[in-house]
Amino acid sequence: AKAEDYCARTGIDLRDKLEDVLSDPDIDAVVLA
């Protein structure tokens, strides 16, 4: 809930867990903060 507005403004598709991006062939890299 704290990130939804920010991600909408910046064109980021907000997923629920790390595995959701690791299994996505369109994602080349992850940046960990």
PDB file of all heavy atoms in Angstrom:
ATOM      1  N   ALA A   1       0.821  -1.214   0.000  1.00  0.00           N
ATOM      2  CA  ALA A   1       0.000   0.000   0.000  1.00  0.00           C
ATOM      3  C   ALA A   1       0.854   1.264   0.000  1.00  0.00           C
ATOM      4  O   ALA A   1       0.456   2.291  -0.560  1.00  0.00           O
ATOM      5  CB  ALA A   1      -0.929  -0.002   1.201  1.00  0.00           C
ATOM      6  N   LYS A   2       2.046   1.197   0.609  1.00  0.00           N
ATOM      7  CA  LYS A   2       2.901   2.368   0.686  1.00  0.00           C
ATOM      8  C   LYS A   2       3.592   2.678  -0.642  1.00  0.00           C
ATOM      9  O   LYS A   2       4.103   3.780  -0.826  1.00  0.00           O
ATOM     10  CB  LYS A   2       3.962   2.167   1.771  1.00  0.00           C
ATOM     11  CG  LYS A   2       3.413   2.138   3.186  1.00  0.00           C
ATOM     12  CD  LYS A   2       4.533   1.988   4.194  1.00  0.00           C
ATOM     13  CE  LYS A   2       3.994   1.989   5.622  1.00  0.00           C
ATOM     14  NZ  LYS A   2       5.085   1.841   6.622  1.00  0.00           N
ATOM     15  N   ALA A   3       3.624   1.728  -1.554  1.00  0.00           N
ATOM     16  CA  ALA A   3       4.369   1.905  -2.800  1.00  0.00           C
ATOM     17  C   ALA A   3       3.486   1.988  -4.037  1.00  0.00           C
ATOM     18  O   ALA A   3       3.987   2.289  -5.130  1.00  0.00           O
ATOM     19  CB  ALA A   3       5.357   0.752  -2.971  1.00  0.00           C
ATOM     20  N   GLU A   4       2.198   1.734  -3.914  1.00  0.00           N
ATOM     21  CA  GLU A   4       1.340   1.646  -5.097  1.00  0.00           C
ATOM     22  C   GLU A   4       1.287   2.953  -5.880  1.00  0.00           C
ATOM     23  O   GLU A   4       1.406   2.961  -7.108  1.00  0.00           O
ATOM     24  CB  GLU A   4      -0.065   1.206  -4.681  1.00  0.00           C
ATOM     25  CG  GLU A   4      -0.138  -0.268  -4.308  1.00  0.00           C
ATOM     26  CD  GLU A   4      -1.514  -0.687  -3.824  1.00  0.00           C
ATOM     27  OE1 GLU A   4      -2.275   0.192  -3.364  1.00  0.00           O
ATOM     28  OE2 GLU A   4      -1.822  -1.895  -3.913  1.00  0.00           O
ATOM     29  N   ASP A   5       1.103   4.077  -5.207  1.00  0.00           N
ATOM     30  CA  ASP A   5       1.026   5.357  -5.910  1.00  0.00           C
ATOM     31  C   ASP A   5       2.347   5.681  -6.598  1.00  0.00           C
ATOM     32  O   ASP A   5       2.368   6.125  -7.753  1.00  0.00           O
ATOM     33  CB  ASP A   5       0.656   6.483  -4.940  1.00  0.00           C
ATOM     34  CG  ASP A   5      -0.790   6.402  -4.479  1.00  0.00           C
ATOM     35  OD1 ASP A   5      -1.567   5.645  -5.103  1.00  0.00           O
ATOM     36  OD2 ASP A   5      -1.134   7.076  -3.496  1.00  0.00           O
ATOM     37  N   TYR A   6       3.448   5.453  -5.884  1.00  0.00           N
ATOM     38  CA  TYR A   6       4.762   5.736  -6.473  1.00  0.00           C
ATOM     39  C   TYR A   6       4.998   4.880  -7.714  1.00  0.00           C
ATOM     40  O   TYR A   6       5.446   5.386  -8.753  1.00  0.00           O
ATOM     41  CB  TYR A   6       5.874   5.494  -5.448  1.00  0.00           C
ATOM     42  CG  TYR A   6       7.253   5.641  -6.045  1.00  0.00           C
ATOM     43  CD1 TYR A   6       7.812   6.893  -6.245  1.00  0.00           C
ATOM     44  CD2 TYR A   6       7.977   4.517  -6.451  1.00  0.00           C
ATOM     45  CE1 TYR A   6       9.065   7.039  -6.825  1.00  0.00           C
ATOM     46  CE2 TYR A   6       9.224   4.651  -7.020  1.00  0.00           C
ATOM     47  CZ  TYR A   6       9.758   5.910  -7.218  1.00  0.00           C
ATOM     48  OH  TYR A   6      10.995   6.045  -7.797  1.00  0.00           O
ATOM     49  N   CYS A   7       4.714   3.601  -7.631  1.00  0.00           N
ATOM     50  CA  CYS A   7       4.953   2.709  -8.761  1.00  0.00           C
ATOM     51  C   CYS A   7       4.046   3.065  -9.941  1.00  0.00           C
ATOM     52  O   CYS A   7       4.474   2.988 -11.099  1.00  0.00           O
ATOM     53  CB  CYS A   7       4.740   1.263  -8.335  1.00  0.00           C
ATOM     54  SG  CYS A   7       6.029   0.633  -7.228  1.00  0.00           S
ATOM     55  N   ALA A   8       2.837   3.475  -9.665  1.00  0.00           N
ATOM     56  CA  ALA A   8       1.942   3.894 -10.750  1.00  0.00           C
ATOM     57  C   ALA A   8       2.504   5.118 -11.463  1.00  0.00           C
ATOM     58  O   ALA A   8       2.452   5.218 -12.698  1.00  0.00           O
ATOM     59  CB  ALA A   8       0.552   4.191 -10.195  1.00  0.00           C
ATOM     60  N   ARG A   9       3.069   6.055 -10.702  1.00  0.00           N
ATOM     61  CA  ARG A   9       3.619   7.278 -11.303  1.00  0.00           C
ATOM     62  C   ARG A   9       4.869   6.995 -12.134  1.00  0.00           C
ATOM     63  O   ARG A   9       5.147   7.702 -13.102  1.00  0.00           O
ATOM     64  CB  ARG A   9       3.981   8.294 -10.216  1.00  0.00           C
ATOM     65  CG  ARG A   9       2.798   8.889  -9.491  1.00  0.00           C
ATOM     66  CD  ARG A   9       3.216  10.159  -8.753  1.00  0.00           C
ATOM     67  NE  ARG A   9       4.400   9.983  -7.934  1.00  0.00           N
ATOM     68  CZ  ARG A   9       4.381   9.584  -6.661  1.00  0.00           C
ATOM     69  NH1 ARG A   9       3.223   9.283  -6.081  1.00  0.00           N
ATOM     70  NH2 ARG A   9       5.501   9.466  -5.973  1.00  0.00           N
ATOM     71  N   THR A  10       5.639   5.992 -11.757  1.00  0.00           N
ATOM     72  CA  THR A  10       6.924   5.739 -12.416  1.00  0.00           C
ATOM     73  C   THR A  10       6.882   4.583 -13.406  1.00  0.00           C
ATOM     74  O   THR A  10       7.918   4.180 -13.941  1.00  0.00           O
ATOM     75  CB  THR A  10       8.006   5.468 -11.354  1.00  0.00           C
ATOM     76  OG1 THR A  10       7.554   4.430 -10.460  1.00  0.00           O
ATOM     77  CG2 THR A  10       8.308   6.728 -10.553  1.00  0.00           C
ATOM     78  N   GLY A  11       5.707   4.034 -13.654  1.00  0.00           N
ATOM     79  CA  GLY A  11       5.581   2.976 -14.649  1.00  0.00           C
ATOM     80  C   GLY A  11       6.102   1.636 -14.199  1.00  0.00           C
ATOM     81  O   GLY A  11       6.527   0.815 -15.022  1.00  0.00           O
ATOM     82  N   ILE A  12       6.056   1.375 -12.900  1.00  0.00           N
ATOM     83  CA  ILE A  12       6.554   0.120 -12.347  1.00  0.00           C
ATOM     84  C   ILE A  12       5.384  -0.802 -12.018  1.00  0.00           C
ATOM     85  O   ILE A  12       4.448  -0.405 -11.320  1.00  0.00           O
ATOM     86  CB  ILE A  12       7.405   0.385 -11.092  1.00  0.00           C
ATOM     87  CG1 ILE A  12       8.709   1.087 -11.480  1.00  0.00           C
ATOM     88  CG2 ILE A  12       7.692  -0.903 -10.337  1.00  0.00           C
ATOM     89  CD1 ILE A  12       9.541   1.516 -10.291  1.00  0.00           C
ATOM     90  N   ASP A  13       5.446  -2.019 -12.534  1.00  0.00           N
ATOM     91  CA  ASP A  13       4.440  -3.043 -12.258  1.00  0.00           C
ATOM     92  C   ASP A  13       4.760  -3.672 -10.910  1.00  0.00           C
ATOM     93  O   ASP A  13       5.734  -4.411 -10.770  1.00  0.00           O
ATOM     94  CB  ASP A  13       4.460  -4.092 -13.373  1.00  0.00           C
ATOM     95  CG  ASP A  13       3.451  -5.203 -13.148  1.00  0.00           C
ATOM     96  OD1 ASP A  13       2.540  -5.013 -12.316  1.00  0.00           O
ATOM     97  OD2 ASP A  13       3.575  -6.255 -13.799  1.00  0.00           O
ATOM     98  N   LEU A  14       3.949  -3.379  -9.898  1.00  0.00           N
ATOM     99  CA  LEU A  14       4.223  -3.841  -8.544  1.00  0.00           C
ATOM    100  C   LEU A  14       3.745  -5.280  -8.376  1.00  0.00           C
ATOM    101  O   LEU A  14       2.557  -5.583  -8.555  1.00  0.00           O
ATOM    102  CB  LEU A  14       3.528  -2.921  -7.536  1.00  0.00           C
ATOM    103  CG  LEU A  14       3.909  -3.081  -6.065  1.00  0.00           C
ATOM    104  CD1 LEU A  14       5.405  -2.910  -5.866  1.00  0.00           C
ATOM    105  CD2 LEU A  14       3.138  -2.069  -5.217  1.00  0.00           C
ATOM    106  N   ARG A  15       4.681  -6.161  -8.060  1.00  0.00           N
ATOM    107  CA  ARG A  15       4.371  -7.578  -7.870  1.00  0.00           C
ATOM    108  C   ARG A  15       4.304  -7.900  -6.368  1.00  0.00           C
ATOM    109  O   ARG A  15       4.677  -7.095  -5.522  1.00  0.00           O
ATOM    110  CB  ARG A  15       5.448  -8.438  -8.534  1.00  0.00           C
ATOM    111  CG  ARG A  15       5.831  -7.988  -9.955  1.00  0.00           C
ATOM    112  CD  ARG A  15       4.833  -8.377 -10.985  1.00  0.00           C
ATOM    113  NE  ARG A  15       5.232  -7.920 -12.321  1.00  0.00           N
ATOM    114  CZ  ARG A  15       6.050  -8.583 -13.146  1.00  0.00           C
ATOM    115  NH1 ARG A  15       6.589  -9.741 -12.769  1.00  0.00           N
ATOM    116  NH2 ARG A  15       6.328  -8.092 -14.341  1.00  0.00           N
ATOM    117  N   ASP A  16       3.888  -9.127  -6.063  1.00  0.00           N
ATOM    118  CA  ASP A  16       3.669  -9.501  -4.666  1.00  0.00           C
ATOM    119  C   ASP A  16       4.892 -10.109  -3.989  1.00  0.00           C
ATOM    120  O   ASP A  16       5.047 -10.006  -2.779  1.00  0.00           O
ATOM    121  CB  ASP A  16       2.500 -10.476  -4.562  1.00  0.00           C
ATOM    122  CG  ASP A  16       1.168  -9.805  -4.879  1.00  0.00           C
ATOM    123  OD1 ASP A  16       0.993  -8.625  -4.492  1.00  0.00           O
ATOM    124  OD2 ASP A  16       0.314 -10.444  -5.527  1.00  0.00           O
ATOM    125  N   LYS A  17       5.749 -10.790  -4.742  1.00  0.00           N
ATOM    126  CA  LYS A  17       6.905 -11.424  -4.111  1.00  0.00           C
ATOM    127  C   LYS A  17       8.057 -11.532  -5.093  1.00  0.00           C
ATOM    128  O   LYS A  17       7.886 -11.414  -6.317  1.00  0.00           O
ATOM    129  CB  LYS A  17       6.546 -12.797  -3.564  1.00  0.00           C
ATOM    130  CG  LYS A  17       5.914 -13.753  -4.548  1.00  0.00           C
ATOM    131  CD  LYS A  17       5.470 -15.025  -3.845  1.00  0.00           C
ATOM    132  CE  LYS A  17       4.866 -16.050  -4.812  1.00  0.00           C
ATOM    133  NZ  LYS A  17       3.634 -15.563  -5.459  1.00  0.00           N
ATOM    134  N   LEU A  18       9.245 -11.759  -4.557  1.00  0.00           N
ATOM    135  CA  LEU A  18      10.456 -11.832  -5.368  1.00  0.00           C
ATOM    136  C   LEU A  18      10.332 -12.878  -6.467  1.00  0.00           C
ATOM    137  O   LEU A  18      10.773 -12.659  -7.605  1.00  0.00           O
ATOM    138  CB  LEU A  18      11.664 -12.149  -4.469  1.00  0.00           C
ATOM    139  CG  LEU A  18      13.018 -12.310  -5.162  1.00  0.00           C
ATOM    140  CD1 LEU A  18      13.436 -11.024  -5.854  1.00  0.00           C
ATOM    141  CD2 LEU A  18      14.079 -12.749  -4.147  1.00  0.00           C
ATOM    142  N   GLU A  19       9.725 -13.996  -6.161  1.00  0.00           N
ATOM    143  CA  GLU A  19       9.604 -15.071  -7.147  1.00  0.00           C
ATOM    144  C   GLU A  19       8.841 -14.627  -8.388  1.00  0.00           C
ATOM    145  O   GLU A  19       9.072 -15.150  -9.485  1.00  0.00           O
ATOM    146  CB  GLU A  19       8.916 -16.277  -6.513  1.00  0.00           C
ATOM    147  CG  GLU A  19       9.741 -17.011  -5.460  1.00  0.00           C
ATOM    148  CD  GLU A  19       9.845 -16.260  -4.148  1.00  0.00           C
ATOM    149  OE1 GLU A  19       9.024 -15.328  -3.915  1.00  0.00           O
ATOM    150  OE2 GLU A  19      10.742 -16.604  -3.359  1.00  0.00           O
ATOM    151  N   ASP A  20       7.967 -13.652  -8.229  1.00  0.00           N
ATOM    152  CA  ASP A  20       7.183 -13.170  -9.364  1.00  0.00           C
ATOM    153  C   ASP A  20       8.060 -12.488 -10.420  1.00  0.00           C
ATOM    154  O   ASP A  20       7.748 -12.542 -11.612  1.00  0.00           O
ATOM    155  CB  ASP A  20       6.102 -12.182  -8.897  1.00  0.00           C
ATOM    156  CG  ASP A  20       5.029 -12.858  -8.059  1.00  0.00           C
ATOM    157  OD1 ASP A  20       4.877 -14.091  -8.165  1.00  0.00           O
ATOM    158  OD2 ASP A  20       4.351 -12.159  -7.291  1.00  0.00           O
ATOM    159  N   VAL A  21       9.127 -11.841  -9.981  1.00  0.00           N
ATOM    160  CA  VAL A  21      10.022 -11.215 -10.969  1.00  0.00           C
ATOM    161  C   VAL A  21      11.124 -12.176 -11.417  1.00  0.00           C
ATOM    162  O   VAL A  21      11.576 -12.122 -12.563  1.00  0.00           O
ATOM    163  CB  VAL A  21      10.626  -9.899 -10.438  1.00  0.00           C
ATOM    164  CG1 VAL A  21       9.538  -8.876 -10.166  1.00  0.00           C
ATOM    165  CG2 VAL A  21      11.482 -10.114  -9.221  1.00  0.00           C
ATOM    166  N   LEU A  22      11.524 -13.091 -10.532  1.00  0.00           N
ATOM    167  CA  LEU A  22      12.576 -14.037 -10.922  1.00  0.00           C
ATOM    168  C   LEU A  22      12.087 -15.007 -11.989  1.00  0.00           C
ATOM    169  O   LEU A  22      12.888 -15.507 -12.793  1.00  0.00           O
ATOM    170  CB  LEU A  22      13.070 -14.816  -9.693  1.00  0.00           C
ATOM    171  CG  LEU A  22      13.761 -13.985  -8.602  1.00  0.00           C
ATOM    172  CD1 LEU A  22      14.314 -14.902  -7.520  1.00  0.00           C
ATOM    173  CD2 LEU A  22      14.856 -13.104  -9.168  1.00  0.00           C
ATOM    174  N   SER A  23      10.796 -15.258 -12.040  1.00  0.00           N
ATOM    175  CA  SER A  23      10.248 -16.176 -13.041  1.00  0.00           C
ATOM    176  C   SER A  23       9.811 -15.452 -14.316  1.00  0.00           C
ATOM    177  O   SER A  23       9.334 -16.102 -15.257  1.00  0.00           O
ATOM    178  CB  SER A  23       9.056 -16.938 -12.453  1.00  0.00           C
ATOM    179  OG  SER A  23       8.012 -16.039 -12.082  1.00  0.00           O
ATOM    180  N   ASP A  24       9.986 -14.143 -14.367  1.00  0.00           N
ATOM    181  CA  ASP A  24       9.542 -13.348 -15.511  1.00  0.00           C
ATOM    182  C   ASP A  24      10.670 -13.229 -16.536  1.00  0.00           C
ATOM    183  O   ASP A  24      11.698 -12.606 -16.263  1.00  0.00           O
ATOM    184  CB  ASP A  24       9.122 -11.954 -15.036  1.00  0.00           C
ATOM    185  CG  ASP A  24       8.496 -11.120 -16.144  1.00  0.00           C
ATOM    186  OD1 ASP A  24       8.680 -11.443 -17.330  1.00  0.00           O
ATOM    187  OD2 ASP A  24       7.828 -10.119 -15.811  1.00  0.00           O
ATOM    188  N   PRO A  25      10.518 -13.790 -17.733  1.00  0.00           N
ATOM    189  CA  PRO A  25      11.602 -13.733 -18.729  1.00  0.00           C
ATOM    190  C   PRO A  25      11.872 -12.330 -19.249  1.00  0.00           C
ATOM    191  O   PRO A  25      12.926 -12.092 -19.866  1.00  0.00           O
ATOM    192  CB  PRO A  25      11.092 -14.653 -19.848  1.00  0.00           C
ATOM    193  CG  PRO A  25       9.605 -14.656 -19.687  1.00  0.00           C
ATOM    194  CD  PRO A  25       9.356 -14.540 -18.219  1.00  0.00           C
ATOM    195  N   ASP A  26      10.972 -11.400 -19.024  1.00  0.00           N
ATOM    196  CA  ASP A  26      11.179 -10.031 -19.476  1.00  0.00           C
ATOM    197  C   ASP A  26      11.994  -9.186 -18.504  1.00  0.00           C
ATOM    198  O   ASP A  26      12.325  -8.036 -18.808  1.00  0.00           O
ATOM    199  CB  ASP A  26       9.829  -9.346 -19.721  1.00  0.00           C
ATOM    200  CG  ASP A  26       9.065  -9.968 -20.884  1.00  0.00           C
ATOM    201  OD1 ASP A  26       9.725 -10.429 -21.839  1.00  0.00           O
ATOM    202  OD2 ASP A  26       7.824 -10.003 -20.834  1.00  0.00           O
ATOM    203  N   ILE A  27      12.306  -9.733 -17.345  1.00  0.00           N
ATOM    204  CA  ILE A  27      13.137  -9.042 -16.359  1.00  0.00           C
ATOM    205  C   ILE A  27      14.567  -9.555 -16.482  1.00  0.00           C
ATOM    206  O   ILE A  27      14.825 -10.751 -16.360  1.00  0.00           O
ATOM    207  CB  ILE A  27      12.619  -9.275 -14.921  1.00  0.00           C
ATOM    208  CG1 ILE A  27      11.182  -8.778 -14.773  1.00  0.00           C
ATOM    209  CG2 ILE A  27      13.529  -8.593 -13.907  1.00  0.00           C
ATOM    210  CD1 ILE A  27      11.020  -7.299 -14.965  1.00  0.00           C
ATOM    211  N   ASP A  28      15.495  -8.641 -16.727  1.00  0.00           N
ATOM    212  CA  ASP A  28      16.904  -9.017 -16.895  1.00  0.00           C
ATOM    213  C   ASP A  28      17.683  -8.991 -15.592  1.00  0.00           C
ATOM    214  O   ASP A  28      18.696  -9.694 -15.461  1.00  0.00           O
ATOM    215  CB  ASP A  28      17.595  -8.055 -17.865  1.00  0.00           C
ATOM    216  CG  ASP A  28      16.889  -7.958 -19.205  1.00  0.00           C
ATOM    217  OD1 ASP A  28      16.579  -9.011 -19.782  1.00  0.00           O
ATOM    218  OD2 ASP A  28      16.639  -6.814 -19.662  1.00  0.00           O
ATOM    219  N   ALA A  29      17.263  -8.142 -14.658  1.00  0.00           N
ATOM    220  CA  ALA A  29      18.084  -7.904 -13.470  1.00  0.00           C
ATOM    221  C   ALA A  29      17.210  -7.496 -12.298  1.00  0.00           C
ATOM    222  O   ALA A  29      16.088  -7.011 -12.470  1.00  0.00           O
ATOM    223  CB  ALA A  29      19.104  -6.799 -13.752  1.00  0.00           C
ATOM    224  N   VAL A  30      17.751  -7.678 -11.086  1.00  0.00           N
ATOM    225  CA  VAL A  30      17.081  -7.186  -9.888  1.00  0.00           C
ATOM    226  C   VAL A  30      18.029  -6.232  -9.162  1.00  0.00           C
ATOM    227  O   VAL A  30      19.255  -6.416  -9.163  1.00  0.00           O
ATOM    228  CB  VAL A  30      16.652  -8.322  -8.941  1.00  0.00           C
ATOM    229  CG1 VAL A  30      15.601  -9.198  -9.593  1.00  0.00           C
ATOM    230  CG2 VAL A  30      17.842  -9.157  -8.491  1.00  0.00           C
ATOM    231  N   VAL A  31      17.442  -5.218  -8.557  1.00  0.00           N
ATOM    232  CA  VAL A  31      18.176  -4.257  -7.737  1.00  0.00           C
ATOM    233  C   VAL A  31      17.610  -4.368  -6.329  1.00  0.00           C
ATOM    234  O   VAL A  31      16.416  -4.148  -6.110  1.00  0.00           O
ATOM    235  CB  VAL A  31      18.021  -2.824  -8.287  1.00  0.00           C
ATOM    236  CG1 VAL A  31      18.652  -1.812  -7.334  1.00  0.00           C
ATOM    237  CG2 VAL A  31      18.654  -2.722  -9.672  1.00  0.00           C
ATOM    238  N   LEU A  32      18.461  -4.725  -5.377  1.00  0.00           N
ATOM    239  CA  LEU A  32      18.021  -5.024  -4.016  1.00  0.00           C
ATOM    240  C   LEU A  32      18.227  -3.823  -3.102  1.00  0.00           C
ATOM    241  O   LEU A  32      19.359  -3.382  -2.874  1.00  0.00           O
ATOM    242  CB  LEU A  32      18.795  -6.216  -3.456  1.00  0.00           C
ATOM    243  CG  LEU A  32      18.761  -7.509  -4.280  1.00  0.00           C
ATOM    244  CD1 LEU A  32      19.630  -8.573  -3.616  1.00  0.00           C
ATOM    245  CD2 LEU A  32      17.324  -8.004  -4.441  1.00  0.00           C
ATOM    246  N   ALA A  33      17.121  -3.296  -2.571  1.00  0.00           N
ATOM    247  CA  ALA A  33      17.164  -2.263  -1.529  1.00  0.00           C
ATOM    248  C   ALA A  33      16.384  -2.800  -0.341  1.00  0.00           C
ATOM    249  O   ALA A  33      15.365  -2.259   0.073  1.00  0.00           O
ATOM    250  CB  ALA A  33      16.570  -0.965  -2.048  1.00  0.00           C
TER     251      ALA A  33
END
